[in-house]
Amino acid sequence: MDHPIDELVAQLLESYETCGGIKHLSGAKLPSKNAVAALTQDLLRIVFPGFIAEEDLTSLNLKKETTLQLTDLQTRLERELIKSLEARPVAGETALSLTLSFLRQLPDLRCIVQTDVDAAFQGDPAAPNREEVVLAYPGVEAVAVFRMAHILYTMGVAFLPRMMTEWAHSRTGIDIHPGAEIGTHFFIDHGTGVVIGGTTKIGNRVRLYQGVGLVARSLAKHVERDDQGQALGGKRHPTIGDDVTIYAGATIVGGDTVIGDRTVIGGNVWLTRSVPPDAVVFFESQQVSIHPRQRLAGDWII
């Protein structure tokens, strides 16, 4: 009599043949999800020194610890980039050249992330200090990871940028595609449920609240793609100007939709057309009725 496991193995092997689109055998070795998650976490240690590491950092040991971290990160990132390039090469680049180019951009990236932290601190009256903003605000973490992933994305690196932002998505509830373009002083308050599509363009000093979607119109059933599998069709997501505030639950749709500078978008607005600068957008017909509650036999009723 066959062992029950033998029967199950046979069934799984059959499914690997019949559902072949979700298996990857004998092909290019793909980047490791666990390795990319660990890399992302350790890159945050470089961006926010002293905040994430368990050990204490001081001015005396900062140089030594930073050197050790960067040396380790270089080796691990290059290892994952070798796998990425095997699946989708980047013309004229090696895993080492891409690794070094990425790491060299971290100082400038930190200066931009500093503006995001400042925006969160200045924009939230509940923030007691910048330390709490870095330690506890999911929007700051999600945006910092996005900014790192965006560098790799603009280099043409496959897999890793999206894996990094999806790692942040799973931790924060904030989904930012690495292809988006986002200016300085960007603040996502609360953050849960925010979605920012891959061709979104966002200006400087923009604030979003929870549940905001900057999304594309639903694609046709069959989408034309290039030889690397990327969907064609140009800009699909909105453009947001400078100094714009978008309140909770608003959804802005389409690549032709442009929100002008200094505009305020109210909560739960569904918007498919452009808005000029210095506008306020809200549902004018919305009405809220307030009535007294009644109490019968000790129980409240509506």
Protein backbone atom coordinates (compact mmCIF):
# COMPACT_ATOMS: atom_id res chain seq x y z
CA MET A 1 0.00 0.00 0.00
CA ASP A 2 1.32 3.45 -0.93
CA HIS A 3 2.10 5.81 1.89
CA PRO A 4 -0.39 8.73 2.06
CA ILE A 5 2.48 11.15 1.42
CA ASP A 6 3.38 9.30 -1.78
CA GLU A 7 -0.14 9.82 -3.08
CA LEU A 8 -0.02 13.50 -2.16
CA VAL A 9 3.37 13.93 -3.87
CA ALA A 10 1.97 12.38 -7.03
CA GLN A 11 -1.00 14.77 -6.96
CA LEU A 12 1.24 17.78 -6.45
CA LEU A 13 3.56 16.74 -9.27
CA GLU A 14 0.53 16.44 -11.53
CA SER A 15 -0.59 19.92 -10.50
CA TYR A 16 2.89 21.26 -11.31
CA GLU A 17 2.33 20.07 -14.86
CA THR A 18 -1.27 21.17 -15.29
CA CYS A 19 -0.85 24.53 -13.47
CA GLY A 20 2.60 25.23 -14.82
CA GLY A 21 2.33 29.02 -14.74
CA ILE A 22 3.02 29.15 -11.01
CA LYS A 23 6.16 27.05 -10.91
CA HIS A 24 9.74 28.08 -11.60
CA LEU A 25 12.03 25.15 -12.26
CA SER A 26 15.37 24.94 -14.10
CA GLY A 27 15.23 28.63 -14.99
CA ALA A 28 17.16 31.68 -13.83
CA LYS A 29 17.57 31.72 -10.08
CA LEU A 30 15.21 34.32 -8.64
CA PRO A 31 15.93 36.75 -5.80
CA SER A 32 15.07 35.45 -2.33
CA LYS A 33 12.10 37.10 -0.62
CA ASN A 34 13.68 36.54 2.79
CA ALA A 35 17.02 37.96 1.64
CA VAL A 36 15.41 41.05 0.11
CA ALA A 37 13.33 41.63 3.25
CA ALA A 38 16.47 41.44 5.40
CA LEU A 39 18.31 43.77 3.01
CA THR A 40 15.51 46.31 3.19
CA GLN A 41 15.49 46.21 6.97
CA ASP A 42 19.26 46.68 7.10
CA LEU A 43 19.15 49.52 4.56
CA LEU A 44 16.78 51.29 6.93
CA ARG A 45 19.49 50.99 9.58
CA ILE A 46 21.75 53.02 7.29
CA VAL A 47 19.04 55.60 6.55
CA PHE A 48 18.07 55.92 10.23
CA PRO A 49 21.26 55.18 12.19
CA GLY A 50 20.64 54.50 15.86
CA PHE A 51 16.89 54.02 15.44
CA ILE A 52 16.59 50.43 14.26
CA ALA A 53 19.81 48.70 15.33
CA GLU A 54 19.77 46.97 18.70
CA GLU A 55 23.30 48.10 19.55
CA ASP A 56 24.00 51.65 20.69
CA LEU A 57 25.62 53.94 18.14
CA THR A 58 27.83 56.83 19.23
CA SER A 59 30.06 59.31 17.46
CA LEU A 60 32.97 57.10 18.49
CA ASN A 61 31.79 53.87 16.85
CA LEU A 62 29.64 55.28 14.04
CA LYS A 63 32.34 55.10 11.38
CA LYS A 64 33.30 51.53 12.26
CA GLU A 65 29.69 50.30 12.40
CA THR A 66 28.74 52.07 9.18
CA THR A 67 31.72 50.55 7.38
CA LEU A 68 30.79 47.07 8.60
CA GLN A 69 27.14 47.53 7.60
CA LEU A 70 27.92 48.85 4.13
CA THR A 71 30.46 46.10 3.45
CA ASP A 72 27.93 43.46 4.42
CA LEU A 73 25.14 45.15 2.45
CA GLN A 74 27.32 45.38 -0.65
CA THR A 75 27.94 41.64 -0.64
CA ARG A 76 24.31 40.69 -0.01
CA LEU A 77 22.80 43.19 -2.44
CA GLU A 78 25.21 42.15 -5.18
CA ARG A 79 24.22 38.52 -4.61
CA GLU A 80 20.52 39.30 -5.17
CA LEU A 81 21.28 41.56 -8.14
CA ILE A 82 23.19 38.74 -9.83
CA LYS A 83 19.95 36.74 -9.75
CA SER A 84 17.93 39.69 -11.00
CA LEU A 85 20.28 40.34 -13.91
CA GLU A 86 20.24 36.68 -14.89
CA ALA A 87 16.49 36.94 -15.35
CA ARG A 88 16.51 40.43 -16.91
CA PRO A 89 19.86 42.03 -17.80
CA VAL A 90 20.48 45.77 -17.65
CA ALA A 91 22.52 46.91 -20.65
CA GLY A 92 26.09 47.84 -19.80
CA GLU A 93 25.72 47.06 -16.11
CA THR A 94 26.94 44.34 -13.78
CA ALA A 95 25.63 43.42 -10.35
CA LEU A 96 28.66 45.12 -8.80
CA SER A 97 28.27 48.35 -10.79
CA LEU A 98 24.58 48.55 -9.91
CA THR A 99 25.28 47.82 -6.25
CA LEU A 100 27.90 50.55 -5.97
CA SER A 101 25.78 53.05 -7.89
CA PHE A 102 22.86 52.40 -5.56
CA LEU A 103 24.90 52.66 -2.37
CA ARG A 104 26.51 55.92 -3.54
CA GLN A 105 23.05 57.51 -3.71
CA LEU A 106 22.19 56.79 -0.08
CA PRO A 107 23.62 60.08 1.29
CA ASP A 108 21.42 62.17 -1.02
CA LEU A 109 18.46 59.89 -0.33
CA ARG A 110 18.86 60.49 3.42
CA CYS A 111 18.55 64.24 2.84
CA ILE A 112 15.24 63.72 1.05
CA VAL A 113 13.97 61.36 3.75
CA GLN A 114 14.83 64.07 6.28
CA THR A 115 12.29 66.33 4.54
CA ASP A 116 9.65 63.58 4.88
CA VAL A 117 10.33 63.30 8.61
CA ASP A 118 10.14 67.08 8.95
CA ALA A 119 6.82 67.12 7.07
CA ALA A 120 5.37 64.49 9.40
CA PHE A 121 6.57 66.32 12.50
CA GLN A 122 5.34 69.71 11.34
CA GLY A 123 2.10 68.31 9.94
CA ASP A 124 0.90 66.26 12.91
CA PRO A 125 0.08 68.11 16.15
CA ALA A 126 0.18 64.75 17.95
CA ALA A 127 3.87 64.25 17.15
CA PRO A 128 5.89 65.06 20.28
CA ASN A 129 9.28 64.87 18.56
CA ARG A 130 11.04 63.63 15.43
CA GLU A 131 12.27 60.53 17.26
CA GLU A 132 8.72 59.26 17.65
CA VAL A 133 7.98 60.08 14.03
CA VAL A 134 10.85 57.84 12.89
CA LEU A 135 10.11 55.07 15.37
CA ALA A 136 6.34 54.89 15.13
CA TYR A 137 4.94 56.46 11.94
CA PRO A 138 4.25 53.84 9.24
CA GLY A 139 4.14 56.46 6.50
CA VAL A 140 7.74 57.46 7.15
CA GLU A 141 8.93 53.86 6.89
CA ALA A 142 6.89 53.15 3.75
CA VAL A 143 8.13 56.28 2.00
CA ALA A 144 11.77 55.65 2.99
CA VAL A 145 11.59 52.14 1.53
CA PHE A 146 9.87 53.49 -1.58
CA ARG A 147 12.66 56.02 -2.11
CA MET A 148 15.30 53.28 -1.96
CA ALA A 149 13.31 50.99 -4.24
CA HIS A 150 12.72 53.84 -6.70
CA ILE A 151 16.47 54.20 -7.23
CA LEU A 152 16.76 50.54 -8.20
CA TYR A 153 13.64 50.85 -10.36
CA THR A 154 15.08 53.76 -12.35
CA MET A 155 18.23 51.67 -12.91
CA GLY A 156 16.10 49.04 -14.63
CA VAL A 157 16.54 46.41 -11.92
CA ALA A 158 13.91 43.66 -12.00
CA PHE A 159 12.11 42.12 -9.01
CA LEU A 160 13.95 43.81 -6.14
CA PRO A 161 12.21 47.24 -6.20
CA ARG A 162 8.72 45.74 -6.07
CA MET A 163 9.76 43.15 -3.49
CA MET A 164 11.04 45.96 -1.26
CA THR A 165 7.90 48.09 -1.49
CA GLU A 166 5.70 45.04 -0.96
CA TRP A 167 7.69 44.25 2.17
CA ALA A 168 6.87 47.75 3.38
CA HIS A 169 3.26 47.29 2.25
CA SER A 170 2.88 44.17 4.37
CA ARG A 171 4.23 46.02 7.42
CA THR A 172 2.45 49.35 7.04
CA GLY A 173 -0.65 48.83 4.91
CA ILE A 174 0.71 51.45 2.49
CA ASP A 175 1.16 50.34 -1.14
CA ILE A 176 3.53 52.55 -3.15
CA HIS A 177 4.71 51.29 -6.52
CA PRO A 178 8.46 51.89 -6.93
CA GLY A 179 7.87 53.53 -10.32
CA ALA A 180 5.98 56.49 -8.85
CA GLU A 181 7.67 59.91 -8.76
CA ILE A 182 7.34 61.71 -5.42
CA GLY A 183 8.75 65.10 -4.41
CA THR A 184 10.16 66.24 -1.09
CA HIS A 185 8.35 66.78 2.23
CA PHE A 186 5.87 63.97 1.55
CA PHE A 187 3.62 63.00 4.48
CA ILE A 188 1.19 60.08 4.67
CA ASP A 189 -0.82 60.51 7.88
CA HIS A 190 -2.12 57.29 9.48
CA GLY A 191 -1.61 55.60 6.13
CA THR A 192 -3.59 52.37 6.20
CA GLY A 193 -5.03 51.58 2.79
CA VAL A 194 -3.12 54.19 0.79
CA VAL A 195 -2.40 53.05 -2.79
CA ILE A 196 -0.08 54.96 -5.16
CA GLY A 197 0.21 53.56 -8.68
CA GLY A 198 3.35 53.16 -10.74
CA THR A 199 2.99 56.18 -13.07
CA THR A 200 1.77 58.58 -10.39
CA LYS A 201 3.60 61.91 -10.17
CA ILE A 202 3.44 63.77 -6.86
CA GLY A 203 4.88 67.22 -6.25
CA ASN A 204 6.48 68.73 -3.15
CA ARG A 205 4.85 69.17 0.26
CA VAL A 206 1.92 66.84 -0.45
CA ARG A 207 -0.10 65.26 2.36
CA LEU A 208 -2.28 62.16 2.07
CA TYR A 209 -4.53 60.60 4.68
CA GLN A 210 -5.59 56.99 5.13
CA GLY A 211 -7.45 55.18 2.37
CA VAL A 212 -6.38 57.50 -0.45
CA GLY A 213 -6.06 55.85 -3.86
CA LEU A 214 -4.07 57.32 -6.75
CA VAL A 215 -4.99 54.69 -9.28
CA ALA A 216 -5.51 53.78 -12.93
CA ARG A 217 -8.70 53.07 -14.77
CA SER A 218 -9.41 49.36 -15.02
CA LEU A 219 -7.37 47.82 -17.82
CA ALA A 220 -8.85 45.92 -20.72
CA LYS A 221 -8.92 42.14 -20.43
CA HIS A 222 -5.93 41.76 -22.75
CA VAL A 223 -3.13 44.28 -22.28
CA GLU A 224 -0.34 44.78 -24.79
CA ARG A 225 3.09 44.26 -23.22
CA ASP A 226 6.68 44.80 -24.26
CA ASP A 227 9.28 42.06 -24.58
CA GLN A 228 10.01 42.25 -20.84
CA GLY A 229 6.39 41.86 -19.85
CA GLN A 230 5.77 45.49 -18.92
CA ALA A 231 2.30 46.81 -19.66
CA LEU A 232 2.22 49.40 -22.44
CA GLY A 233 -0.04 52.40 -22.57
CA GLY A 234 1.90 55.32 -21.10
CA LYS A 235 0.81 57.25 -18.05
CA ARG A 236 -2.07 55.56 -16.24
CA HIS A 237 -2.12 57.27 -12.85
CA PRO A 238 -2.81 60.85 -11.72
CA THR A 239 -0.48 63.82 -11.37
CA ILE A 240 -0.62 65.69 -8.05
CA GLY A 241 0.77 69.23 -7.84
CA ASP A 242 2.66 70.94 -5.02
CA ASP A 243 1.14 71.64 -1.59
CA VAL A 244 -1.89 69.42 -2.20
CA THR A 245 -3.84 67.80 0.65
CA ILE A 246 -5.98 64.73 -0.01
CA TYR A 247 -8.26 63.60 2.81
CA ALA A 248 -9.23 60.09 3.87
CA GLY A 249 -10.92 57.75 1.42
CA ALA A 250 -10.52 59.93 -1.68
CA THR A 251 -9.84 58.13 -4.98
CA ILE A 252 -8.25 59.93 -7.92
CA VAL A 253 -8.30 58.02 -11.18
CA GLY A 254 -6.54 58.14 -14.54
CA GLY A 255 -3.35 59.30 -16.19
CA ASP A 256 -4.93 62.45 -17.63
CA THR A 257 -6.14 63.63 -14.23
CA VAL A 258 -4.07 66.53 -12.88
CA ILE A 259 -4.63 68.07 -9.45
CA GLY A 260 -3.43 71.67 -9.38
CA ASP A 261 -1.12 73.19 -6.78
CA ARG A 262 -2.50 74.01 -3.32
CA THR A 263 -5.76 72.15 -3.96
CA VAL A 264 -7.61 70.32 -1.18
CA ILE A 265 -9.49 67.11 -2.00
CA GLY A 266 -12.17 66.22 0.55
CA GLY A 267 -12.78 62.83 2.08
CA ASN A 268 -14.38 60.03 0.03
CA VAL A 269 -14.30 62.04 -3.20
CA TRP A 270 -14.22 60.00 -6.43
CA LEU A 271 -12.42 62.09 -9.03
CA THR A 272 -11.81 61.30 -12.71
CA ARG A 273 -11.10 64.78 -14.08
CA SER A 274 -8.53 67.48 -13.52
CA VAL A 275 -8.83 70.20 -10.91
CA PRO A 276 -7.29 73.71 -11.21
CA PRO A 277 -4.90 75.14 -8.64
CA ASP A 278 -6.24 76.60 -5.37
CA ALA A 279 -9.47 74.59 -5.46
CA VAL A 280 -11.43 72.71 -2.81
CA VAL A 281 -13.19 69.54 -3.95
CA PHE A 282 -15.98 67.95 -1.89
CA PHE A 283 -19.43 66.40 -2.22
CA GLU A 284 -21.69 69.43 -2.14
CA SER A 285 -24.85 67.33 -1.93
CA GLN A 286 -23.75 65.37 1.11
CA GLN A 287 -25.89 66.00 4.16
CA VAL A 288 -25.46 64.81 7.72
CA SER A 289 -28.57 64.53 9.89
CA ILE A 290 -28.33 64.47 13.69
CA HIS A 291 -31.26 63.18 15.73
CA PRO A 292 -31.67 62.53 19.46
CA ARG A 293 -31.59 58.91 20.55
CA GLN A 294 -34.46 57.40 22.47
CA ARG A 295 -34.18 55.23 25.52
CA LEU A 296 -36.80 52.58 26.18
CA ALA A 297 -36.74 50.10 29.06
CA GLY A 298 -33.12 50.86 29.82
CA ASP A 299 -31.86 50.20 26.29
CA TRP A 300 -30.77 52.75 23.74
CA ILE A 301 -32.36 52.53 20.29
CA ILE A 302 -31.77 54.33 17.04
